[in-house]
Amino acid sequence: LDKKVRHDKQTQIFIETPYRNNQLVNDLLSKCSAST
């Protein structure tokens, strides 16, 4: 998804089970480009 954002300029929209929201953001922060 991070690659799609950078290469295609396509906004990626998604959801998570509410009790995993915080973990998802931690994963995004660790895996995505700092400028995303």
PDB file of all heavy atoms in Angstrom:
ATOM      1  N   LEU A   1       0.824  -1.202   0.000  1.00  0.00           N
ATOM      2  CA  LEU A   1       0.000   0.000   0.000  1.00  0.00           C
ATOM      3  C   LEU A   1       0.863   1.258   0.000  1.00  0.00           C
ATOM      4  O   LEU A   1       0.553   2.239  -0.682  1.00  0.00           O
ATOM      5  CB  LEU A   1      -0.932   0.006   1.214  1.00  0.00           C
ATOM      6  CG  LEU A   1      -1.965  -1.130   1.285  1.00  0.00           C
ATOM      7  CD1 LEU A   1      -2.810  -0.987   2.547  1.00  0.00           C
ATOM      8  CD2 LEU A   1      -2.837  -1.140   0.042  1.00  0.00           C
ATOM      9  N   ASP A   2       1.941   1.222   0.751  1.00  0.00           N
ATOM     10  CA  ASP A   2       2.866   2.354   0.793  1.00  0.00           C
ATOM     11  C   ASP A   2       3.464   2.600  -0.596  1.00  0.00           C
ATOM     12  O   ASP A   2       3.606   3.741  -1.037  1.00  0.00           O
ATOM     13  CB  ASP A   2       3.965   2.072   1.820  1.00  0.00           C
ATOM     14  CG  ASP A   2       4.859   3.276   2.065  1.00  0.00           C
ATOM     15  OD1 ASP A   2       4.325   4.394   2.200  1.00  0.00           O
ATOM     16  OD2 ASP A   2       6.092   3.097   2.128  1.00  0.00           O
ATOM     17  N   LYS A   3       3.768   1.512  -1.295  1.00  0.00           N
ATOM     18  CA  LYS A   3       4.322   1.618  -2.655  1.00  0.00           C
ATOM     19  C   LYS A   3       3.279   2.206  -3.612  1.00  0.00           C
ATOM     20  O   LYS A   3       3.607   3.046  -4.459  1.00  0.00           O
ATOM     21  CB  LYS A   3       4.771   0.243  -3.129  1.00  0.00           C
ATOM     22  CG  LYS A   3       5.407   0.242  -4.517  1.00  0.00           C
ATOM     23  CD  LYS A   3       5.876  -1.160  -4.895  1.00  0.00           C
ATOM     24  CE  LYS A   3       6.486  -1.169  -6.289  1.00  0.00           C
ATOM     25  NZ  LYS A   3       6.934  -2.548  -6.673  1.00  0.00           N
ATOM     26  N   LYS A   4       2.021   1.767  -3.480  1.00  0.00           N
ATOM     27  CA  LYS A   4       0.949   2.285  -4.340  1.00  0.00           C
ATOM     28  C   LYS A   4       0.785   3.793  -4.150  1.00  0.00           C
ATOM     29  O   LYS A   4       0.563   4.533  -5.115  1.00  0.00           O
ATOM     30  CB  LYS A   4      -0.373   1.591  -4.008  1.00  0.00           C
ATOM     31  CG  LYS A   4      -0.471   0.158  -4.457  1.00  0.00           C
ATOM     32  CD  LYS A   4      -0.673   0.048  -5.966  1.00  0.00           C
ATOM     33  CE  LYS A   4      -2.053   0.486  -6.390  1.00  0.00           C
ATOM     34  NZ  LYS A   4      -2.267   0.292  -7.853  1.00  0.00           N
ATOM     35  N   VAL A   5       0.891   4.226  -2.907  1.00  0.00           N
ATOM     36  CA  VAL A   5       0.763   5.650  -2.610  1.00  0.00           C
ATOM     37  C   VAL A   5       1.855   6.444  -3.305  1.00  0.00           C
ATOM     38  O   VAL A   5       1.603   7.473  -3.954  1.00  0.00           O
ATOM     39  CB  VAL A   5       0.819   5.891  -1.083  1.00  0.00           C
ATOM     40  CG1 VAL A   5       1.050   7.360  -0.775  1.00  0.00           C
ATOM     41  CG2 VAL A   5      -0.472   5.408  -0.428  1.00  0.00           C
ATOM     42  N   ARG A   6       3.079   5.960  -3.188  1.00  0.00           N
ATOM     43  CA  ARG A   6       4.220   6.702  -3.725  1.00  0.00           C
ATOM     44  C   ARG A   6       4.313   6.628  -5.248  1.00  0.00           C
ATOM     45  O   ARG A   6       4.644   7.614  -5.898  1.00  0.00           O
ATOM     46  CB  ARG A   6       5.515   6.205  -3.082  1.00  0.00           C
ATOM     47  CG  ARG A   6       5.652   6.635  -1.619  1.00  0.00           C
ATOM     48  CD  ARG A   6       6.941   6.212  -0.961  1.00  0.00           C
ATOM     49  NE  ARG A   6       6.958   4.779  -0.628  1.00  0.00           N
ATOM     50  CZ  ARG A   6       7.707   3.882  -1.225  1.00  0.00           C
ATOM     51  NH1 ARG A   6       8.525   4.248  -2.200  1.00  0.00           N
ATOM     52  NH2 ARG A   6       7.665   2.620  -0.859  1.00  0.00           N
ATOM     53  N   HIS A   7       4.031   5.469  -5.827  1.00  0.00           N
ATOM     54  CA  HIS A   7       4.195   5.284  -7.277  1.00  0.00           C
ATOM     55  C   HIS A   7       2.969   5.729  -8.068  1.00  0.00           C
ATOM     56  O   HIS A   7       3.094   6.293  -9.154  1.00  0.00           O
ATOM     57  CB  HIS A   7       4.490   3.820  -7.590  1.00  0.00           C
ATOM     58  CG  HIS A   7       5.867   3.405  -7.167  1.00  0.00           C
ATOM     59  ND1 HIS A   7       6.468   2.226  -7.585  1.00  0.00           N
ATOM     60  CD2 HIS A   7       6.777   4.007  -6.363  1.00  0.00           C
ATOM     61  CE1 HIS A   7       7.670   2.127  -7.057  1.00  0.00           C
ATOM     62  NE2 HIS A   7       7.878   3.194  -6.307  1.00  0.00           N
ATOM     63  N   ASP A   8       1.762   5.465  -7.538  1.00  0.00           N
ATOM     64  CA  ASP A   8       0.536   5.752  -8.299  1.00  0.00           C
ATOM     65  C   ASP A   8      -0.231   6.964  -7.786  1.00  0.00           C
ATOM     66  O   ASP A   8      -1.249   7.336  -8.370  1.00  0.00           O
ATOM     67  CB  ASP A   8      -0.394   4.529  -8.266  1.00  0.00           C
ATOM     68  CG  ASP A   8       0.240   3.295  -8.870  1.00  0.00           C
ATOM     69  OD1 ASP A   8       1.202   3.446  -9.654  1.00  0.00           O
ATOM     70  OD2 ASP A   8      -0.228   2.182  -8.565  1.00  0.00           O
ATOM     71  N   LYS A   9       0.232   7.552  -6.686  1.00  0.00           N
ATOM     72  CA  LYS A   9      -0.473   8.681  -6.070  1.00  0.00           C
ATOM     73  C   LYS A   9      -1.926   8.316  -5.749  1.00  0.00           C
ATOM     74  O   LYS A   9      -2.824   9.152  -5.826  1.00  0.00           O
ATOM     75  CB  LYS A   9      -0.436   9.913  -6.993  1.00  0.00           C
ATOM     76  CG  LYS A   9       0.946  10.295  -7.498  1.00  0.00           C
ATOM     77  CD  LYS A   9       1.903  10.595  -6.357  1.00  0.00           C
ATOM     78  CE  LYS A   9       3.288  10.983  -6.898  1.00  0.00           C
ATOM     79  NZ  LYS A   9       4.275  11.174  -5.811  1.00  0.00           N
ATOM     80  N   GLN A  10      -2.139   7.068  -5.373  1.00  0.00           N
ATOM     81  CA  GLN A  10      -3.485   6.575  -5.082  1.00  0.00           C
ATOM     82  C   GLN A  10      -3.694   6.487  -3.577  1.00  0.00           C
ATOM     83  O   GLN A  10      -2.950   5.817  -2.870  1.00  0.00           O
ATOM     84  CB  GLN A  10      -3.697   5.194  -5.709  1.00  0.00           C
ATOM     85  CG  GLN A  10      -5.106   4.643  -5.518  1.00  0.00           C
ATOM     86  CD  GLN A  10      -5.257   3.249  -6.099  1.00  0.00           C
ATOM     87  OE1 GLN A  10      -4.713   2.286  -5.560  1.00  0.00           O
ATOM     88  NE2 GLN A  10      -5.992   3.151  -7.200  1.00  0.00           N
ATOM     89  N   THR A  11      -4.719   7.161  -3.074  1.00  0.00           N
ATOM     90  CA  THR A  11      -5.038   7.105  -1.655  1.00  0.00           C
ATOM     91  C   THR A  11      -5.537   5.705  -1.301  1.00  0.00           C
ATOM     92  O   THR A  11      -6.394   5.153  -1.983  1.00  0.00           O
ATOM     93  CB  THR A  11      -6.130   8.134  -1.302  1.00  0.00           C
ATOM     94  OG1 THR A  11      -5.654   9.450  -1.628  1.00  0.00           O
ATOM     95  CG2 THR A  11      -6.474   8.081   0.184  1.00  0.00           C
ATOM     96  N   GLN A  12      -4.994   5.146  -0.221  1.00  0.00           N
ATOM     97  CA  GLN A  12      -5.381   3.809   0.226  1.00  0.00           C
ATOM     98  C   GLN A  12      -6.204   3.941   1.509  1.00  0.00           C
ATOM     99  O   GLN A  12      -5.748   4.542   2.487  1.00  0.00           O
ATOM    100  CB  GLN A  12      -4.139   2.953   0.489  1.00  0.00           C
ATOM    101  CG  GLN A  12      -3.207   2.848  -0.714  1.00  0.00           C
ATOM    102  CD  GLN A  12      -3.866   2.172  -1.908  1.00  0.00           C
ATOM    103  OE1 GLN A  12      -4.500   1.127  -1.764  1.00  0.00           O
ATOM    104  NE2 GLN A  12      -3.700   2.762  -3.086  1.00  0.00           N
ATOM    105  N   ILE A  13      -7.415   3.389   1.496  1.00  0.00           N
ATOM    106  CA  ILE A  13      -8.336   3.497   2.629  1.00  0.00           C
ATOM    107  C   ILE A  13      -8.593   2.110   3.202  1.00  0.00           C
ATOM    108  O   ILE A  13      -8.874   1.174   2.453  1.00  0.00           O
ATOM    109  CB  ILE A  13      -9.675   4.130   2.185  1.00  0.00           C
ATOM    110  CG1 ILE A  13      -9.417   5.434   1.419  1.00  0.00           C
ATOM    111  CG2 ILE A  13     -10.585   4.379   3.385  1.00  0.00           C
ATOM    112  CD1 ILE A  13     -10.655   6.018   0.770  1.00  0.00           C
ATOM    113  N   PHE A  14      -8.510   1.968   4.525  1.00  0.00           N
ATOM    114  CA  PHE A  14      -8.707   0.651   5.117  1.00  0.00           C
ATOM    115  C   PHE A  14      -9.166   0.773   6.562  1.00  0.00           C
ATOM    116  O   PHE A  14      -9.175   1.858   7.146  1.00  0.00           O
ATOM    117  CB  PHE A  14      -7.427  -0.192   5.029  1.00  0.00           C
ATOM    118  CG  PHE A  14      -6.167   0.522   5.431  1.00  0.00           C
ATOM    119  CD1 PHE A  14      -5.703   0.472   6.727  1.00  0.00           C
ATOM    120  CD2 PHE A  14      -5.453   1.264   4.491  1.00  0.00           C
ATOM    121  CE1 PHE A  14      -4.539   1.123   7.101  1.00  0.00           C
ATOM    122  CE2 PHE A  14      -4.281   1.923   4.850  1.00  0.00           C
ATOM    123  CZ  PHE A  14      -3.828   1.857   6.158  1.00  0.00           C
ATOM    124  N   ILE A  15      -9.550  -0.362   7.119  1.00  0.00           N
ATOM    125  CA  ILE A  15     -10.058  -0.399   8.490  1.00  0.00           C
ATOM    126  C   ILE A  15      -9.406  -1.545   9.244  1.00  0.00           C
ATOM    127  O   ILE A  15      -8.723  -2.390   8.662  1.00  0.00           O
ATOM    128  CB  ILE A  15     -11.602  -0.564   8.519  1.00  0.00           C
ATOM    129  CG1 ILE A  15     -12.026  -1.780   7.678  1.00  0.00           C
ATOM    130  CG2 ILE A  15     -12.284   0.695   8.038  1.00  0.00           C
ATOM    131  CD1 ILE A  15     -13.527  -2.022   7.655  1.00  0.00           C
ATOM    132  N   GLU A  16      -9.660  -1.577  10.533  1.00  0.00           N
ATOM    133  CA  GLU A  16      -9.124  -2.633  11.388  1.00  0.00           C
ATOM    134  C   GLU A  16     -10.147  -2.934  12.474  1.00  0.00           C
ATOM    135  O   GLU A  16     -10.993  -2.089  12.808  1.00  0.00           O
ATOM    136  CB  GLU A  16      -7.792  -2.185  12.001  1.00  0.00           C
ATOM    137  CG  GLU A  16      -7.143  -3.156  12.974  1.00  0.00           C
ATOM    138  CD  GLU A  16      -6.868  -4.538  12.384  1.00  0.00           C
ATOM    139  OE1 GLU A  16      -7.851  -5.273  12.157  1.00  0.00           O
ATOM    140  OE2 GLU A  16      -5.696  -4.882  12.175  1.00  0.00           O
ATOM    141  N   THR A  17     -10.095  -4.143  13.012  1.00  0.00           N
ATOM    142  CA  THR A  17     -10.918  -4.470  14.166  1.00  0.00           C
ATOM    143  C   THR A  17     -10.555  -3.492  15.284  1.00  0.00           C
ATOM    144  O   THR A  17      -9.367  -3.319  15.582  1.00  0.00           O
ATOM    145  CB  THR A  17     -10.658  -5.919  14.616  1.00  0.00           C
ATOM    146  OG1 THR A  17     -10.936  -6.792  13.517  1.00  0.00           O
ATOM    147  CG2 THR A  17     -11.532  -6.280  15.799  1.00  0.00           C
ATOM    148  N   PRO A  18     -11.550  -2.818  15.902  1.00  0.00           N
ATOM    149  CA  PRO A  18     -11.265  -1.731  16.850  1.00  0.00           C
ATOM    150  C   PRO A  18     -10.235  -2.019  17.928  1.00  0.00           C
ATOM    151  O   PRO A  18      -9.458  -1.140  18.287  1.00  0.00           O
ATOM    152  CB  PRO A  18     -12.644  -1.441  17.451  1.00  0.00           C
ATOM    153  CG  PRO A  18     -13.587  -1.743  16.338  1.00  0.00           C
ATOM    154  CD  PRO A  18     -13.003  -2.960  15.661  1.00  0.00           C
ATOM    155  N   TYR A  19     -10.181  -3.262  18.434  1.00  0.00           N
ATOM    156  CA  TYR A  19      -9.219  -3.517  19.508  1.00  0.00           C
ATOM    157  C   TYR A  19      -7.788  -3.674  18.982  1.00  0.00           C
ATOM    158  O   TYR A  19      -6.841  -3.799  19.768  1.00  0.00           O
ATOM    159  CB  TYR A  19      -9.637  -4.727  20.349  1.00  0.00           C
ATOM    160  CG  TYR A  19      -9.617  -6.060  19.644  1.00  0.00           C
ATOM    161  CD1 TYR A  19      -8.439  -6.799  19.548  1.00  0.00           C
ATOM    162  CD2 TYR A  19     -10.772  -6.598  19.087  1.00  0.00           C
ATOM    163  CE1 TYR A  19      -8.411  -8.026  18.909  1.00  0.00           C
ATOM    164  CE2 TYR A  19     -10.756  -7.827  18.451  1.00  0.00           C
ATOM    165  CZ  TYR A  19      -9.573  -8.541  18.361  1.00  0.00           C
ATOM    166  OH  TYR A  19      -9.557  -9.755  17.716  1.00  0.00           O
ATOM    167  N   ARG A  20      -7.620  -3.670  17.646  1.00  0.00           N
ATOM    168  CA  ARG A  20      -6.273  -3.737  17.062  1.00  0.00           C
ATOM    169  C   ARG A  20      -5.842  -2.422  16.416  1.00  0.00           C
ATOM    170  O   ARG A  20      -4.811  -2.363  15.746  1.00  0.00           O
ATOM    171  CB  ARG A  20      -6.188  -4.875  16.038  1.00  0.00           C
ATOM    172  CG  ARG A  20      -6.145  -6.268  16.642  1.00  0.00           C
ATOM    173  CD  ARG A  20      -5.620  -7.299  15.638  1.00  0.00           C
ATOM    174  NE  ARG A  20      -6.555  -7.493  14.536  1.00  0.00           N
ATOM    175  CZ  ARG A  20      -7.424  -8.499  14.452  1.00  0.00           C
ATOM    176  NH1 ARG A  20      -7.478  -9.404  15.411  1.00  0.00           N
ATOM    177  NH2 ARG A  20      -8.226  -8.613  13.413  1.00  0.00           N
ATOM    178  N   ASN A  21      -6.613  -1.373  16.603  1.00  0.00           N
ATOM    179  CA  ASN A  21      -6.292  -0.083  15.981  1.00  0.00           C
ATOM    180  C   ASN A  21      -4.902   0.422  16.347  1.00  0.00           C
ATOM    181  O   ASN A  21      -4.121   0.836  15.488  1.00  0.00           O
ATOM    182  CB  ASN A  21      -7.318   0.984  16.395  1.00  0.00           C
ATOM    183  CG  ASN A  21      -8.632   0.858  15.660  1.00  0.00           C
ATOM    184  OD1 ASN A  21      -8.699   0.361  14.544  1.00  0.00           O
ATOM    185  ND2 ASN A  21      -9.706   1.326  16.293  1.00  0.00           N
ATOM    186  N   ASN A  22      -4.600   0.414  17.637  1.00  0.00           N
ATOM    187  CA  ASN A  22      -3.315   0.953  18.086  1.00  0.00           C
ATOM    188  C   ASN A  22      -2.141   0.159  17.508  1.00  0.00           C
ATOM    189  O   ASN A  22      -1.125   0.743  17.101  1.00  0.00           O
ATOM    190  CB  ASN A  22      -3.244   0.949  19.614  1.00  0.00           C
ATOM    191  CG  ASN A  22      -4.182   1.976  20.239  1.00  0.00           C
ATOM    192  OD1 ASN A  22      -4.514   2.981  19.623  1.00  0.00           O
ATOM    193  ND2 ASN A  22      -4.622   1.719  21.460  1.00  0.00           N
ATOM    194  N   GLN A  23      -2.287  -1.148  17.454  1.00  0.00           N
ATOM    195  CA  GLN A  23      -1.218  -1.983  16.909  1.00  0.00           C
ATOM    196  C   GLN A  23      -1.030  -1.716  15.420  1.00  0.00           C
ATOM    197  O   GLN A  23       0.099  -1.701  14.910  1.00  0.00           O
ATOM    198  CB  GLN A  23      -1.532  -3.465  17.131  1.00  0.00           C
ATOM    199  CG  GLN A  23      -0.446  -4.420  16.633  1.00  0.00           C
ATOM    200  CD  GLN A  23       0.909  -4.138  17.253  1.00  0.00           C
ATOM    201  OE1 GLN A  23       1.024  -4.063  18.469  1.00  0.00           O
ATOM    202  NE2 GLN A  23       1.935  -3.960  16.431  1.00  0.00           N
ATOM    203  N   LEU A  24      -2.134  -1.498  14.715  1.00  0.00           N
ATOM    204  CA  LEU A  24      -2.027  -1.220  13.279  1.00  0.00           C
ATOM    205  C   LEU A  24      -1.219   0.045  13.028  1.00  0.00           C
ATOM    206  O   LEU A  24      -0.340   0.074  12.149  1.00  0.00           O
ATOM    207  CB  LEU A  24      -3.416  -1.086  12.654  1.00  0.00           C
ATOM    208  CG  LEU A  24      -3.432  -0.643  11.183  1.00  0.00           C
ATOM    209  CD1 LEU A  24      -2.622  -1.611  10.319  1.00  0.00           C
ATOM    210  CD2 LEU A  24      -4.847  -0.520  10.659  1.00  0.00           C
ATOM    211  N   VAL A  25      -1.495   1.093  13.786  1.00  0.00           N
ATOM    212  CA  VAL A  25      -0.752   2.336  13.589  1.00  0.00           C
ATOM    213  C   VAL A  25       0.728   2.135  13.896  1.00  0.00           C
ATOM    214  O   VAL A  25       1.596   2.661  13.190  1.00  0.00           O
ATOM    215  CB  VAL A  25      -1.334   3.475  14.446  1.00  0.00           C
ATOM    216  CG1 VAL A  25      -0.428   4.704  14.389  1.00  0.00           C
ATOM    217  CG2 VAL A  25      -2.716   3.851  13.936  1.00  0.00           C
ATOM    218  N   ASN A  26       1.033   1.356  14.916  1.00  0.00           N
ATOM    219  CA  ASN A  26       2.441   1.052  15.215  1.00  0.00           C
ATOM    220  C   ASN A  26       3.098   0.346  14.035  1.00  0.00           C
ATOM    221  O   ASN A  26       4.252   0.637  13.687  1.00  0.00           O
ATOM    222  CB  ASN A  26       2.543   0.171  16.467  1.00  0.00           C
ATOM    223  CG  ASN A  26       2.203   0.927  17.739  1.00  0.00           C
ATOM    224  OD1 ASN A  26       2.329   2.154  17.784  1.00  0.00           O
ATOM    225  ND2 ASN A  26       1.778   0.211  18.774  1.00  0.00           N
ATOM    226  N   ASP A  27       2.366  -0.569  13.411  1.00  0.00           N
ATOM    227  CA  ASP A  27       2.900  -1.289  12.247  1.00  0.00           C
ATOM    228  C   ASP A  27       3.090  -0.341  11.068  1.00  0.00           C
ATOM    229  O   ASP A  27       4.088  -0.436  10.337  1.00  0.00           O
ATOM    230  CB  ASP A  27       1.958  -2.430  11.850  1.00  0.00           C
ATOM    231  CG  ASP A  27       1.906  -3.538  12.892  1.00  0.00           C
ATOM    232  OD1 ASP A  27       2.851  -3.635  13.695  1.00  0.00           O
ATOM    233  OD2 ASP A  27       0.916  -4.297  12.900  1.00  0.00           O
ATOM    234  N   LEU A  28       2.150   0.568  10.870  1.00  0.00           N
ATOM    235  CA  LEU A  28       2.268   1.534   9.777  1.00  0.00           C
ATOM    236  C   LEU A  28       3.478   2.437   9.979  1.00  0.00           C
ATOM    237  O   LEU A  28       4.237   2.712   9.046  1.00  0.00           O
ATOM    238  CB  LEU A  28       0.995   2.398   9.697  1.00  0.00           C
ATOM    239  CG  LEU A  28      -0.295   1.687   9.269  1.00  0.00           C
ATOM    240  CD1 LEU A  28      -1.492   2.626   9.455  1.00  0.00           C
ATOM    241  CD2 LEU A  28      -0.222   1.234   7.819  1.00  0.00           C
ATOM    242  N   LEU A  29       3.679   2.878  11.212  1.00  0.00           N
ATOM    243  CA  LEU A  29       4.807   3.765  11.512  1.00  0.00           C
ATOM    244  C   LEU A  29       6.149   3.074  11.287  1.00  0.00           C
ATOM    245  O   LEU A  29       7.128   3.715  10.902  1.00  0.00           O
ATOM    246  CB  LEU A  29       4.710   4.260  12.954  1.00  0.00           C
ATOM    247  CG  LEU A  29       3.574   5.232  13.269  1.00  0.00           C
ATOM    248  CD1 LEU A  29       3.515   5.538  14.754  1.00  0.00           C
ATOM    249  CD2 LEU A  29       3.727   6.523  12.463  1.00  0.00           C
ATOM    250  N   SER A  30       6.173   1.765  11.515  1.00  0.00           N
ATOM    251  CA  SER A  30       7.444   1.044  11.381  1.00  0.00           C
ATOM    252  C   SER A  30       7.713   0.569   9.954  1.00  0.00           C
ATOM    253  O   SER A  30       8.877   0.340   9.596  1.00  0.00           O
ATOM    254  CB  SER A  30       7.468  -0.162  12.331  1.00  0.00           C
ATOM    255  OG  SER A  30       6.499  -1.118  11.954  1.00  0.00           O
ATOM    256  N   LYS A  31       6.677   0.453   9.120  1.00  0.00           N
ATOM    257  CA  LYS A  31       6.864  -0.122   7.783  1.00  0.00           C
ATOM    258  C   LYS A  31       6.762   0.890   6.645  1.00  0.00           C
ATOM    259  O   LYS A  31       7.305   0.661   5.562  1.00  0.00           O
ATOM    260  CB  LYS A  31       5.825  -1.227   7.537  1.00  0.00           C
ATOM    261  CG  LYS A  31       5.821  -2.334   8.579  1.00  0.00           C
ATOM    262  CD  LYS A  31       7.157  -3.056   8.669  1.00  0.00           C
ATOM    263  CE  LYS A  31       7.102  -4.158   9.737  1.00  0.00           C
ATOM    264  NZ  LYS A  31       8.441  -4.799   9.915  1.00  0.00           N
ATOM    265  N   CYS A  32       6.084   2.003   6.860  1.00  0.00           N
ATOM    266  CA  CYS A  32       5.869   2.975   5.788  1.00  0.00           C
ATOM    267  C   CYS A  32       6.995   4.003   5.729  1.00  0.00           C
ATOM    268  O   CYS A  32       7.695   4.246   6.713  1.00  0.00           O
ATOM    269  CB  CYS A  32       4.539   3.701   5.977  1.00  0.00           C
ATOM    270  SG  CYS A  32       3.082   2.676   5.726  1.00  0.00           S
ATOM    271  N   SER A  33       7.104   4.632   4.568  1.00  0.00           N
ATOM    272  CA  SER A  33       8.081   5.704   4.396  1.00  0.00           C
ATOM    273  C   SER A  33       7.754   6.859   5.327  1.00  0.00           C
ATOM    274  O   SER A  33       6.579   7.142   5.598  1.00  0.00           O
ATOM    275  CB  SER A  33       8.056   6.184   2.946  1.00  0.00           C
ATOM    276  OG  SER A  33       8.788   7.375   2.793  1.00  0.00           O
ATOM    277  N   ALA A  34       8.775   7.537   5.821  1.00  0.00           N
ATOM    278  CA  ALA A  34       8.586   8.649   6.766  1.00  0.00           C
ATOM    279  C   ALA A  34       7.770   9.783   6.158  1.00  0.00           C
ATOM    280  O   ALA A  34       7.085  10.523   6.861  1.00  0.00           O
ATOM    281  CB  ALA A  34       9.933   9.173   7.233  1.00  0.00           C
ATOM    282  N   SER A  35       7.808   9.909   4.819  1.00  0.00           N
ATOM    283  CA  SER A  35       7.091  11.006   4.148  1.00  0.00           C
ATOM    284  C   SER A  35       5.660  10.640   3.769  1.00  0.00           C
ATOM    285  O   SER A  35       4.883  11.515   3.369  1.00  0.00           O
ATOM    286  CB  SER A  35       7.850  11.420   2.886  1.00  0.00           C
ATOM    287  OG  SER A  35       7.937  10.324   1.978  1.00  0.00           O
ATOM    288  N   THR A  36       5.292   9.369   3.897  1.00  0.00           N
ATOM    289  CA  THR A  36       3.921   8.958   3.586  1.00  0.00           C
ATOM    290  C   THR A  36       2.965   9.586   4.587  1.00  0.00           C
ATOM    291  O   THR A  36       3.229   9.614   5.788  1.00  0.00           O
ATOM    292  CB  THR A  36       3.779   7.421   3.641  1.00  0.00           C
ATOM    293  OG1 THR A  36       4.624   6.840   2.640  1.00  0.00           O
ATOM    294  CG2 THR A  36       2.339   6.993   3.387  1.00  0.00           C
TER     295      THR A  36
END
